[in-house]
Amino acid sequence: MQAFLNVDEGGNITKSYCGVNIVAVEPYDYFFIIEDYVVDQLHKLKVVINDGKPELIVKDGEDMVVPELTEEERKIIELEEELARLRTKL
C-alpha cells in the first residue's frame, strides 16, 4: 500500500492519501510503502528523521494492532518470499 503524507512541525500526520498504484496530484511531504492494516491506524503514527531518513514510528502511549495471520496466509508469504529470492538468482 502506498501512503503520501503531510505532517506538522512535530511529525504528526495532518493529511494522507493512501492506495494501491496511486499517483498524488498535489505535493506531499513524505511517501511510504506500508502494510494494509496500517492505513486505518495512521493517527497512531508520526514521522521522525533518523540519520537523515524519514521513518514512521508509533507515538508515545499508542499501540498498533497487528492482525493475526492464518496458517494459509503465512504460507503464502513464505512462498512469495522464496519466489522473490529465486527470481533474484536468475
N, C-alpha and C. Protein backbone atom coordinates (compact mmCIF):
# COMPACT_ATOMS: atom_id res chain seq x y z
N MET A 1 0.84 -1.16 0.00
CA MET A 1 0.00 0.00 0.00
C MET A 1 0.90 1.23 0.00
N GLN A 2 0.56 2.20 -0.82
CA GLN A 2 1.31 3.45 -0.89
C GLN A 2 0.66 4.48 0.03
N ALA A 3 1.49 5.30 0.66
CA ALA A 3 0.98 6.35 1.55
C ALA A 3 1.74 7.65 1.31
N PHE A 4 1.02 8.66 0.85
CA PHE A 4 1.56 10.01 0.75
C PHE A 4 1.10 10.75 1.99
N LEU A 5 2.03 11.41 2.69
CA LEU A 5 1.70 12.03 3.98
C LEU A 5 2.20 13.46 4.08
N ASN A 6 1.39 14.31 4.69
CA ASN A 6 1.81 15.64 5.13
C ASN A 6 1.86 15.60 6.65
N VAL A 7 2.82 16.32 7.22
CA VAL A 7 2.97 16.34 8.68
C VAL A 7 3.13 17.77 9.18
N ASP A 8 2.85 17.95 10.48
CA ASP A 8 3.09 19.25 11.11
C ASP A 8 4.53 19.29 11.62
N GLU A 9 4.87 20.37 12.33
CA GLU A 9 6.25 20.52 12.79
C GLU A 9 6.67 19.47 13.82
N GLY A 10 5.71 18.79 14.44
CA GLY A 10 6.02 17.73 15.40
C GLY A 10 6.05 16.35 14.76
N GLY A 11 5.85 16.28 13.45
CA GLY A 11 5.86 14.99 12.75
C GLY A 11 4.52 14.29 12.74
N ASN A 12 3.49 14.92 13.34
CA ASN A 12 2.15 14.33 13.35
C ASN A 12 1.53 14.42 11.97
N ILE A 13 0.88 13.36 11.56
CA ILE A 13 0.29 13.29 10.23
C ILE A 13 -0.96 14.17 10.19
N THR A 14 -0.96 15.10 9.25
CA THR A 14 -2.09 16.03 9.12
C THR A 14 -2.95 15.72 7.91
N LYS A 15 -2.38 15.03 6.93
CA LYS A 15 -3.12 14.69 5.72
C LYS A 15 -2.49 13.45 5.12
N SER A 16 -3.34 12.55 4.60
CA SER A 16 -2.82 11.33 3.98
C SER A 16 -3.61 11.01 2.73
N TYR A 17 -2.93 10.34 1.81
CA TYR A 17 -3.55 9.84 0.58
C TYR A 17 -2.95 8.45 0.38
N CYS A 18 -3.78 7.41 0.55
CA CYS A 18 -3.29 6.04 0.53
C CYS A 18 -4.03 5.21 -0.50
N GLY A 19 -3.34 4.24 -1.08
CA GLY A 19 -3.96 3.33 -2.01
C GLY A 19 -2.92 2.47 -2.71
N VAL A 20 -3.39 1.69 -3.66
CA VAL A 20 -2.52 0.81 -4.44
C VAL A 20 -2.36 1.44 -5.82
N ASN A 21 -1.13 1.57 -6.26
CA ASN A 21 -0.83 2.15 -7.58
C ASN A 21 -1.49 3.51 -7.77
N ILE A 22 -1.29 4.40 -6.80
CA ILE A 22 -1.86 5.73 -6.88
C ILE A 22 -0.79 6.75 -7.26
N VAL A 23 -1.24 7.88 -7.75
CA VAL A 23 -0.35 8.99 -8.09
C VAL A 23 -0.92 10.23 -7.43
N ALA A 24 -0.10 10.91 -6.64
CA ALA A 24 -0.55 12.14 -5.98
C ALA A 24 -0.58 13.27 -7.00
N VAL A 25 -1.65 14.02 -7.00
CA VAL A 25 -1.78 15.14 -7.94
C VAL A 25 -1.39 16.46 -7.29
N GLU A 26 -1.07 16.41 -6.02
CA GLU A 26 -0.58 17.58 -5.30
C GLU A 26 0.64 17.15 -4.50
N PRO A 27 1.49 18.09 -4.11
CA PRO A 27 2.69 17.71 -3.36
C PRO A 27 2.39 17.25 -1.94
N TYR A 28 3.14 16.25 -1.50
CA TYR A 28 3.08 15.74 -0.13
C TYR A 28 4.49 15.75 0.44
N ASP A 29 4.57 15.82 1.77
CA ASP A 29 5.87 15.88 2.44
C ASP A 29 6.64 14.57 2.33
N TYR A 30 5.91 13.44 2.46
CA TYR A 30 6.58 12.14 2.52
C TYR A 30 5.79 11.08 1.75
N PHE A 31 6.53 10.03 1.37
CA PHE A 31 5.94 8.87 0.71
C PHE A 31 6.48 7.62 1.39
N PHE A 32 5.59 6.70 1.74
CA PHE A 32 5.97 5.44 2.37
C PHE A 32 5.22 4.29 1.72
N ILE A 33 5.81 3.11 1.77
CA ILE A 33 5.11 1.86 1.45
C ILE A 33 4.77 1.25 2.82
N ILE A 34 3.47 0.99 3.04
CA ILE A 34 3.02 0.49 4.33
C ILE A 34 2.15 -0.75 4.14
N GLU A 35 1.97 -1.49 5.22
CA GLU A 35 1.06 -2.63 5.21
C GLU A 35 -0.38 -2.12 5.19
N ASP A 36 -1.29 -2.91 4.63
CA ASP A 36 -2.69 -2.51 4.52
C ASP A 36 -3.31 -2.13 5.86
N TYR A 37 -3.01 -2.90 6.90
CA TYR A 37 -3.64 -2.66 8.20
C TYR A 37 -3.22 -1.34 8.84
N VAL A 38 -2.13 -0.74 8.37
CA VAL A 38 -1.62 0.50 8.94
C VAL A 38 -2.48 1.70 8.54
N VAL A 39 -3.13 1.63 7.39
CA VAL A 39 -3.90 2.76 6.86
C VAL A 39 -4.90 3.28 7.89
N ASP A 40 -5.63 2.39 8.51
CA ASP A 40 -6.65 2.81 9.48
C ASP A 40 -6.06 3.20 10.84
N GLN A 41 -4.74 3.10 10.98
CA GLN A 41 -4.09 3.42 12.24
C GLN A 41 -3.04 4.53 12.09
N LEU A 42 -3.09 5.25 10.99
CA LEU A 42 -2.10 6.31 10.76
C LEU A 42 -2.11 7.36 11.87
N HIS A 43 -3.26 7.58 12.50
CA HIS A 43 -3.35 8.56 13.59
C HIS A 43 -2.48 8.17 14.79
N LYS A 44 -2.05 6.92 14.85
CA LYS A 44 -1.20 6.44 15.93
C LYS A 44 0.28 6.63 15.63
N LEU A 45 0.61 7.11 14.43
CA LEU A 45 1.99 7.22 13.99
C LEU A 45 2.42 8.67 13.79
N LYS A 46 3.72 8.85 13.74
CA LYS A 46 4.28 10.14 13.35
C LYS A 46 5.55 9.90 12.57
N VAL A 47 6.01 10.92 11.87
CA VAL A 47 7.22 10.83 11.06
C VAL A 47 8.36 11.47 11.84
N VAL A 48 9.47 10.74 11.93
CA VAL A 48 10.70 11.27 12.51
C VAL A 48 11.82 11.08 11.49
N ILE A 49 12.85 11.87 11.64
CA ILE A 49 14.02 11.75 10.76
C ILE A 49 15.14 11.10 11.57
N ASN A 50 15.59 9.92 11.12
CA ASN A 50 16.70 9.19 11.74
C ASN A 50 17.82 9.07 10.72
N ASP A 51 18.98 9.60 11.06
CA ASP A 51 20.13 9.58 10.15
C ASP A 51 19.78 10.12 8.78
N GLY A 52 18.98 11.18 8.77
CA GLY A 52 18.63 11.84 7.51
C GLY A 52 17.52 11.16 6.72
N LYS A 53 16.95 10.07 7.27
CA LYS A 53 15.91 9.34 6.56
C LYS A 53 14.60 9.39 7.34
N PRO A 54 13.49 9.65 6.65
CA PRO A 54 12.21 9.66 7.35
C PRO A 54 11.76 8.25 7.72
N GLU A 55 11.17 8.13 8.91
CA GLU A 55 10.64 6.85 9.39
C GLU A 55 9.30 7.09 10.05
N LEU A 56 8.42 6.12 9.93
CA LEU A 56 7.17 6.14 10.67
C LEU A 56 7.38 5.42 11.99
N ILE A 57 7.01 6.08 13.09
CA ILE A 57 7.12 5.44 14.40
C ILE A 57 5.79 5.58 15.12
N VAL A 58 5.56 4.71 16.09
CA VAL A 58 4.35 4.75 16.89
C VAL A 58 4.51 5.85 17.95
N LYS A 59 3.48 6.69 18.08
CA LYS A 59 3.50 7.77 19.07
C LYS A 59 3.52 7.17 20.48
N ASP A 60 4.08 7.93 21.42
CA ASP A 60 4.07 7.51 22.82
C ASP A 60 2.63 7.30 23.28
N GLY A 61 2.40 6.20 23.98
CA GLY A 61 1.09 5.90 24.51
C GLY A 61 0.15 5.19 23.55
N GLU A 62 0.58 4.97 22.32
CA GLU A 62 -0.24 4.30 21.32
C GLU A 62 0.28 2.88 21.08
N ASP A 63 -0.61 2.01 20.65
CA ASP A 63 -0.24 0.64 20.29
C ASP A 63 -0.84 0.32 18.93
N MET A 64 -0.04 -0.27 18.08
CA MET A 64 -0.53 -0.71 16.76
C MET A 64 -1.16 -2.08 16.92
N VAL A 65 -2.28 -2.27 16.27
CA VAL A 65 -2.95 -3.57 16.26
C VAL A 65 -2.52 -4.28 14.98
N VAL A 66 -1.78 -5.37 15.15
CA VAL A 66 -1.29 -6.15 14.02
C VAL A 66 -2.18 -7.38 13.90
N PRO A 67 -2.86 -7.53 12.77
CA PRO A 67 -3.76 -8.68 12.65
C PRO A 67 -3.00 -10.00 12.64
N GLU A 68 -3.63 -11.01 13.22
CA GLU A 68 -3.06 -12.36 13.21
C GLU A 68 -3.23 -12.96 11.82
N LEU A 69 -2.19 -13.61 11.35
CA LEU A 69 -2.26 -14.28 10.05
C LEU A 69 -2.72 -15.72 10.23
N THR A 70 -3.50 -16.17 9.28
CA THR A 70 -3.87 -17.58 9.29
C THR A 70 -2.67 -18.39 8.81
N GLU A 71 -2.72 -19.68 9.02
CA GLU A 71 -1.64 -20.55 8.56
C GLU A 71 -1.47 -20.44 7.05
N GLU A 72 -2.58 -20.34 6.32
CA GLU A 72 -2.53 -20.22 4.86
C GLU A 72 -1.87 -18.91 4.45
N GLU A 73 -2.20 -17.81 5.15
CA GLU A 73 -1.60 -16.51 4.83
C GLU A 73 -0.10 -16.53 5.10
N ARG A 74 0.32 -17.15 6.20
CA ARG A 74 1.76 -17.26 6.50
C ARG A 74 2.47 -18.07 5.42
N LYS A 75 1.86 -19.15 4.97
CA LYS A 75 2.46 -19.99 3.93
C LYS A 75 2.58 -19.21 2.62
N ILE A 76 1.56 -18.43 2.28
CA ILE A 76 1.61 -17.61 1.06
C ILE A 76 2.76 -16.62 1.13
N ILE A 77 2.91 -15.97 2.27
CA ILE A 77 4.00 -15.01 2.43
C ILE A 77 5.35 -15.70 2.29
N GLU A 78 5.51 -16.84 2.93
CA GLU A 78 6.76 -17.59 2.82
C GLU A 78 7.05 -17.96 1.37
N LEU A 79 6.04 -18.44 0.65
CA LEU A 79 6.23 -18.82 -0.75
C LEU A 79 6.56 -17.62 -1.63
N GLU A 80 5.90 -16.49 -1.37
CA GLU A 80 6.20 -15.27 -2.15
C GLU A 80 7.63 -14.81 -1.90
N GLU A 81 8.09 -14.89 -0.65
CA GLU A 81 9.46 -14.51 -0.33
C GLU A 81 10.46 -15.45 -1.01
N GLU A 82 10.17 -16.75 -0.99
CA GLU A 82 11.04 -17.72 -1.66
C GLU A 82 11.07 -17.48 -3.16
N LEU A 83 9.93 -17.20 -3.75
CA LEU A 83 9.86 -16.90 -5.19
C LEU A 83 10.69 -15.66 -5.52
N ALA A 84 10.60 -14.64 -4.69
CA ALA A 84 11.39 -13.42 -4.91
C ALA A 84 12.88 -13.72 -4.83
N ARG A 85 13.29 -14.55 -3.85
CA ARG A 85 14.70 -14.93 -3.75
C ARG A 85 15.16 -15.69 -4.98
N LEU A 86 14.35 -16.62 -5.45
CA LEU A 86 14.72 -17.41 -6.63
C LEU A 86 14.80 -16.52 -7.87
N ARG A 87 13.92 -15.56 -7.99
CA ARG A 87 13.96 -14.65 -9.15
C ARG A 87 15.24 -13.81 -9.19
N THR A 88 15.77 -13.48 -8.02
CA THR A 88 16.99 -12.68 -8.00
C THR A 88 18.19 -13.49 -8.45
N LYS A 89 18.07 -14.82 -8.42
CA LYS A 89 19.17 -15.69 -8.84
C LYS A 89 19.18 -15.96 -10.33
N LEU A 90 18.11 -15.59 -11.03
CA LEU A 90 18.04 -15.83 -12.48
C LEU A 90 18.98 -14.97 -13.25
